[in-house]
Amino acid sequence: MIMVKCDRCEGDMDPNGMIGYMSWCFKQGVDGDLGVNELEGRHYCERCMDEVMALIQSRVSWETQQSGIRPPRKPYEKPEIIEEKKNKPRISKEKGEAILELKKRGFKIKEIAEELEMEPVQVKNWLYNHKGKTGEE
């Protein structure tokens, strides 16, 4: 896999992920032509882009910037997970036997699920996997 390095912090970035870019151009007067973008071809990670934006939006004076005193770095915050994948518990051997028993008695998948307090898709998947392992229906 090809990785791209941030031109500011030299951290690795996914080439298919979020990659920031900046433009730095001047023009002569209001109606003048745009000059050369000196930052063209450079790539920046999301963290560096956030830091640059924070610097631009802050009210740090020009003298402070020239004296070499840098504003405190904003700690990197990992994006919060919106929804975690729910791992459903495996079906126990006893429940599997109960599913088979009810199926042999002619219960439908939905009825088996209601009887055993399960989701119909769990019953359906269990029967499908059981059939694949044993060859019986």
Protein backbone atom coordinates (compact mmCIF):
# COMPACT_ATOMS: atom_id res chain seq x y z
CA MET A 1 0.00 0.00 0.00
CA ILE A 2 1.30 3.45 -0.88
CA MET A 3 1.48 5.84 2.06
CA VAL A 4 1.70 9.62 1.86
CA LYS A 5 3.72 11.63 4.39
CA CYS A 6 2.49 14.90 5.86
CA ASP A 7 4.76 17.72 4.67
CA ARG A 8 4.58 19.36 8.10
CA CYS A 9 4.86 16.61 10.75
CA GLU A 10 6.02 13.80 8.42
CA GLY A 11 3.32 11.49 9.76
CA ASP A 12 1.92 8.72 7.55
CA MET A 13 -1.43 9.30 5.87
CA ASP A 14 -3.73 6.99 3.95
CA PRO A 15 -3.78 8.20 0.31
CA ASN A 16 -7.51 7.43 0.15
CA GLY A 17 -8.27 9.18 3.45
CA MET A 18 -8.56 12.83 4.39
CA ILE A 19 -5.60 14.81 3.03
CA GLY A 20 -5.41 18.57 3.47
CA TYR A 21 -3.94 21.13 1.10
CA MET A 22 -3.40 24.86 1.35
CA SER A 23 -3.18 27.72 -1.07
CA TRP A 24 -0.88 30.71 -0.68
CA CYS A 25 -1.36 33.23 -3.46
CA PHE A 26 -1.16 36.97 -3.84
CA LYS A 27 -2.51 39.12 -6.61
CA GLN A 28 -1.74 42.65 -7.71
CA GLY A 29 -4.74 44.74 -6.72
CA VAL A 30 -8.36 43.70 -6.59
CA ASP A 31 -8.59 42.73 -10.25
CA GLY A 32 -5.04 41.46 -10.70
CA ASP A 33 -3.96 37.97 -11.74
CA LEU A 34 -3.24 35.36 -9.11
CA GLY A 35 0.38 34.64 -8.43
CA VAL A 36 2.01 31.25 -7.99
CA ASN A 37 0.69 28.99 -5.24
CA GLU A 38 3.88 28.27 -3.29
CA LEU A 39 2.18 25.45 -1.33
CA GLU A 40 0.98 23.56 -4.40
CA GLY A 41 1.82 19.86 -4.32
CA ARG A 42 2.18 19.67 -0.54
CA HIS A 43 -0.03 17.42 1.58
CA TYR A 44 -1.05 17.82 5.21
CA CYS A 45 -2.68 15.50 7.75
CA GLU A 46 -5.90 16.43 9.49
CA ARG A 47 -4.13 17.21 12.76
CA CYS A 48 -1.75 19.69 11.08
CA MET A 49 -4.63 21.31 9.19
CA ASP A 50 -6.47 21.77 12.51
CA GLU A 51 -3.38 23.36 14.06
CA VAL A 52 -2.93 25.76 11.12
CA MET A 53 -6.61 26.73 11.29
CA ALA A 54 -6.33 27.29 15.05
CA LEU A 55 -3.31 29.52 14.48
CA ILE A 56 -5.12 31.52 11.81
CA GLN A 57 -8.20 31.94 13.99
CA SER A 58 -6.26 32.80 17.15
CA ARG A 59 -5.43 36.36 18.11
CA VAL A 60 -1.69 35.80 18.41
CA SER A 61 0.11 39.03 17.66
CA TRP A 62 2.71 39.31 14.92
CA GLU A 63 5.36 40.18 17.49
CA THR A 64 4.65 37.00 19.46
CA GLN A 65 4.98 34.92 16.30
CA GLN A 66 8.25 36.66 15.39
CA SER A 67 9.72 36.11 18.88
CA GLY A 68 9.50 32.36 18.38
CA ILE A 69 6.94 31.75 21.10
CA ARG A 70 4.47 29.27 19.72
CA PRO A 71 0.89 29.01 20.93
CA PRO A 72 0.21 25.86 22.95
CA ARG A 73 -0.59 22.83 20.81
CA LYS A 74 -4.11 21.57 20.90
CA PRO A 75 -3.98 17.95 22.04
CA TYR A 76 -5.03 15.51 19.36
CA GLU A 77 -8.46 14.12 20.06
CA LYS A 78 -9.39 10.79 18.55
CA PRO A 79 -12.73 10.97 16.73
CA GLU A 80 -15.48 9.45 18.84
CA ILE A 81 -17.07 6.22 17.67
CA ILE A 82 -20.67 6.90 16.76
CA GLU A 83 -21.95 3.35 17.00
CA GLU A 84 -20.09 0.29 18.15
CA LYS A 85 -20.62 -3.00 16.42
CA LYS A 86 -22.78 -5.20 18.56
CA ASN A 87 -21.45 -8.73 18.94
CA LYS A 88 -24.36 -11.04 19.44
CA PRO A 89 -23.66 -13.99 21.71
CA ARG A 90 -23.23 -17.38 20.07
CA ILE A 91 -26.11 -19.79 20.25
CA SER A 92 -25.54 -22.38 22.95
CA LYS A 93 -25.67 -26.11 22.28
CA GLU A 94 -28.94 -26.35 24.22
CA LYS A 95 -30.56 -23.59 22.16
CA GLY A 96 -29.31 -25.24 18.97
CA GLU A 97 -30.95 -28.50 19.99
CA ALA A 98 -34.15 -26.62 20.82
CA ILE A 99 -34.10 -24.97 17.38
CA LEU A 100 -33.75 -28.38 15.71
CA GLU A 101 -36.54 -29.88 17.84
CA LEU A 102 -38.95 -27.06 17.03
CA LYS A 103 -38.04 -27.19 13.34
CA LYS A 104 -38.74 -30.97 13.27
CA ARG A 105 -42.13 -30.29 14.88
CA GLY A 106 -42.98 -27.98 11.93
CA PHE A 107 -42.48 -24.56 13.52
CA LYS A 108 -41.62 -21.73 11.16
CA ILE A 109 -38.46 -19.66 11.69
CA LYS A 110 -40.41 -16.70 13.06
CA GLU A 111 -42.28 -18.93 15.50
CA ILE A 112 -39.02 -20.58 16.66
CA ALA A 113 -37.48 -17.14 17.23
CA GLU A 114 -40.45 -15.99 19.30
CA GLU A 115 -40.46 -19.22 21.33
CA LEU A 116 -36.73 -19.00 22.14
CA GLU A 117 -36.67 -15.18 22.45
CA MET A 118 -34.24 -14.72 19.57
CA GLU A 119 -34.11 -12.75 16.34
CA PRO A 120 -35.48 -14.64 13.30
CA VAL A 121 -32.23 -13.96 11.41
CA GLN A 122 -30.24 -15.71 14.16
CA VAL A 123 -32.43 -18.81 13.84
CA LYS A 124 -32.21 -18.73 10.05
CA ASN A 125 -28.41 -18.37 10.10
CA TRP A 126 -28.01 -21.11 12.69
CA LEU A 127 -30.12 -23.52 10.61
CA TYR A 128 -28.16 -22.62 7.47
CA ASN A 129 -24.80 -23.18 9.19
CA HIS A 130 -26.02 -26.41 10.82
CA LYS A 131 -27.16 -27.72 7.43
CA GLY A 132 -23.74 -26.88 5.97
CA LYS A 133 -21.91 -28.74 8.75
CA THR A 134 -24.10 -31.85 8.95
CA GLY A 135 -25.81 -31.96 5.58
CA GLU A 136 -29.21 -32.49 7.19
CA GLU A 137 -32.18 -30.16 7.06
